[in-house]
Amino acid sequence: MRLVIFLLALGLPAAAQFQQMEVTFEDTGCASCVESLEGRLTRVRGVEAVDLDAELGVVTLRLEENNRVRLGPLFARITQDGTKITRVAAVAHGAIEGNADAWVFHPSGLGQTFRLLLTGEAAKVRPESGAVYKVSGVLTGTDFGEGSVFEAAAIVAVK
């Protein structure tokens, strides 16, 4: 399994909450299930492109600007056949709230929040509460939903 956090150099920020995701998964051993994964994800409204590497167990999703993609239904498409999501690396825009001791990340356009853990170079940044940032990192948790942690390796203020 790759343990690479990917960072993207995006141009101007979009209003969409998540712009790109790299989802690592363990399949069930069902070849037709893995083969149908790309089609299942392509049909999700707001998904612009899907790149599936079944051999590595990685699917990369590029999301449209101003999308309203919700993580729960998106991940349900991946796991509907018993496939297990093991890691989610993502790039998102949103507001950061809190102080030096406890940060929360609110992706734009999404009611969901994530506890924010600043790691690596991001740990050197002192975000302004309420400001909007582009955040790149890894979602950690059991279901990647409410209560999950967004471990941000990079954050950039969006003006």
Protein backbone atom coordinates (compact mmCIF):
# COMPACT_ATOMS: atom_id res chain seq x y z
CA MET A 1 0.00 0.00 0.00
CA ARG A 2 1.35 3.40 -0.90
CA LEU A 3 1.79 5.79 1.99
CA VAL A 4 2.26 8.87 -0.13
CA ILE A 5 0.40 12.06 0.64
CA PHE A 6 -0.14 13.79 -2.63
CA LEU A 7 -0.07 17.55 -2.86
CA LEU A 8 -1.55 19.39 -5.78
CA ALA A 9 -0.57 22.74 -7.15
CA LEU A 10 -3.99 24.13 -8.01
CA GLY A 11 -4.56 27.49 -9.59
CA LEU A 12 -7.41 29.69 -8.44
CA PRO A 13 -9.59 28.19 -5.75
CA ALA A 14 -13.01 26.86 -6.61
CA ALA A 15 -16.04 27.07 -4.38
CA ALA A 16 -16.26 23.28 -4.21
CA GLN A 17 -15.39 21.68 -0.90
CA PHE A 18 -13.33 18.69 -2.09
CA GLN A 19 -11.46 19.06 -5.38
CA GLN A 20 -9.63 15.75 -5.55
CA MET A 21 -9.44 12.51 -3.60
CA GLU A 22 -7.19 9.49 -3.75
CA VAL A 23 -8.97 6.53 -2.16
CA THR A 24 -6.97 3.41 -1.31
CA PHE A 25 -9.04 0.26 -0.92
CA GLU A 26 -8.92 -3.47 -0.30
CA ASP A 27 -11.18 -5.30 -2.72
CA THR A 28 -13.21 -8.39 -1.97
CA GLY A 29 -11.51 -10.54 -4.59
CA CYS A 30 -14.46 -10.06 -6.94
CA ALA A 31 -12.98 -9.02 -10.30
CA SER A 32 -16.30 -7.77 -11.72
CA CYS A 33 -16.89 -5.66 -8.58
CA VAL A 34 -13.59 -3.85 -9.05
CA GLU A 35 -14.21 -3.50 -12.79
CA SER A 36 -17.58 -1.84 -12.12
CA LEU A 37 -16.15 0.61 -9.56
CA GLU A 38 -15.07 3.19 -12.14
CA GLY A 39 -18.54 3.25 -13.72
CA ARG A 40 -20.29 3.49 -10.33
CA LEU A 41 -18.17 6.51 -9.39
CA THR A 42 -18.40 8.19 -12.81
CA ARG A 43 -22.18 8.32 -12.42
CA VAL A 44 -21.96 10.34 -9.19
CA ARG A 45 -23.10 13.89 -9.90
CA GLY A 46 -20.14 16.23 -9.42
CA VAL A 47 -17.43 13.68 -10.25
CA GLU A 48 -15.48 14.97 -13.24
CA ALA A 49 -12.97 12.15 -13.73
CA VAL A 50 -12.16 8.75 -12.25
CA ASP A 51 -8.79 7.00 -12.57
CA LEU A 52 -8.80 3.43 -11.24
CA ASP A 53 -5.65 1.39 -10.62
CA ALA A 54 -7.14 -1.96 -9.56
CA GLU A 55 -3.72 -3.57 -9.18
CA LEU A 56 -2.64 -1.01 -6.57
CA GLY A 57 -6.15 -0.67 -5.10
CA VAL A 58 -6.30 3.09 -5.68
CA VAL A 59 -9.00 5.22 -7.26
CA THR A 60 -8.37 8.92 -7.89
CA LEU A 61 -11.38 11.21 -8.20
CA ARG A 62 -11.30 14.71 -9.65
CA LEU A 63 -14.42 16.65 -8.70
CA GLU A 64 -16.12 19.43 -10.64
CA GLU A 65 -16.00 23.05 -9.52
CA ASN A 66 -18.93 23.98 -7.29
CA ASN A 67 -19.79 20.31 -6.72
CA ARG A 68 -22.07 19.19 -3.90
CA VAL A 69 -20.57 15.71 -3.52
CA ARG A 70 -21.21 14.27 -0.05
CA LEU A 71 -18.62 11.87 1.32
CA GLY A 72 -21.08 9.34 2.75
CA PRO A 73 -22.90 8.51 -0.51
CA LEU A 74 -19.65 8.66 -2.47
CA PHE A 75 -17.92 6.19 -0.17
CA ALA A 76 -21.07 4.01 -0.12
CA ARG A 77 -20.60 3.53 -3.88
CA ILE A 78 -17.11 2.19 -3.21
CA THR A 79 -18.06 -0.07 -0.31
CA GLN A 80 -21.42 -1.37 -1.61
CA ASP A 81 -19.88 -4.69 -2.68
CA GLY A 82 -17.82 -5.22 0.49
CA THR A 83 -14.77 -3.26 -0.67
CA LYS A 84 -13.01 -1.69 2.33
CA ILE A 85 -11.64 1.87 2.20
CA THR A 86 -8.27 1.98 3.97
CA ARG A 87 -7.09 5.54 3.27
CA VAL A 88 -8.40 8.81 1.82
CA ALA A 89 -6.02 11.57 0.72
CA ALA A 90 -7.78 14.75 -0.34
CA VAL A 91 -7.53 18.37 -1.35
CA ALA A 92 -10.30 20.67 -0.12
CA HIS A 93 -11.15 24.32 0.41
CA GLY A 94 -12.81 25.53 3.56
CA ALA A 95 -12.71 27.56 6.74
CA ILE A 96 -10.58 26.76 9.74
CA GLU A 97 -11.88 27.58 13.22
CA GLY A 98 -10.18 27.38 16.58
CA ASN A 99 -6.89 28.33 18.15
CA ALA A 100 -3.36 26.94 18.48
CA ASP A 101 -4.60 24.08 20.68
CA ALA A 102 -7.63 22.80 18.74
CA TRP A 103 -8.53 23.35 15.09
CA VAL A 104 -11.67 22.35 13.19
CA PHE A 105 -11.93 22.28 9.38
CA HIS A 106 -15.25 23.14 7.67
CA PRO A 107 -15.06 22.22 3.96
CA SER A 108 -16.91 24.82 1.87
CA GLY A 109 -20.46 23.91 0.95
CA LEU A 110 -20.53 20.90 3.26
CA GLY A 111 -22.22 20.76 6.67
CA GLN A 112 -19.64 18.26 7.88
CA THR A 113 -16.66 19.25 10.02
CA PHE A 114 -13.39 17.51 10.75
CA ARG A 115 -10.98 17.85 13.62
CA LEU A 116 -7.86 19.32 12.00
CA LEU A 117 -4.39 18.07 12.81
CA LEU A 118 -1.59 20.12 11.28
CA THR A 119 1.41 17.93 10.39
CA GLY A 120 4.73 18.47 8.63
CA GLU A 121 5.08 21.90 7.03
CA ALA A 122 1.48 22.73 7.92
CA ALA A 123 2.36 22.53 11.64
CA LYS A 124 4.51 25.66 11.13
CA VAL A 125 1.51 27.65 9.88
CA ARG A 126 -0.70 29.52 12.33
CA PRO A 127 -4.08 29.72 10.60
CA GLU A 128 -6.41 32.62 11.24
CA SER A 129 -9.74 31.48 12.66
CA GLY A 130 -12.52 32.00 10.10
CA ALA A 131 -10.16 32.42 7.14
CA VAL A 132 -10.51 30.17 4.09
CA TYR A 133 -7.70 27.76 3.23
CA LYS A 134 -6.82 25.13 0.67
CA VAL A 135 -6.03 22.03 2.74
CA SER A 136 -4.16 18.94 1.48
CA GLY A 137 -3.77 15.82 3.53
CA VAL A 138 -5.27 12.56 4.72
CA LEU A 139 -8.64 11.81 6.31
CA THR A 140 -8.31 9.36 9.18
CA GLY A 141 -11.03 7.59 11.09
CA THR A 142 -13.15 4.50 10.88
CA ASP A 143 -15.78 5.74 8.43
CA PHE A 144 -14.22 9.03 7.27
CA GLY A 145 -17.36 10.83 8.41
CA GLU A 146 -18.23 13.23 11.21
CA GLY A 147 -15.65 12.92 13.97
CA SER A 148 -12.87 11.93 11.58
CA VAL A 149 -9.58 13.79 11.61
CA PHE A 150 -8.17 15.65 8.62
CA GLU A 151 -4.39 15.40 8.95
CA ALA A 152 -3.28 18.39 6.90
CA ALA A 153 0.25 18.24 5.52
CA ALA A 154 -0.20 21.52 3.66
CA ILE A 155 -2.49 24.50 4.05
CA VAL A 156 -2.52 27.64 1.94
CA ALA A 157 -4.59 30.76 2.64
CA VAL A 158 -7.11 31.54 -0.10
CA LYS A 159 -7.62 35.25 -0.69
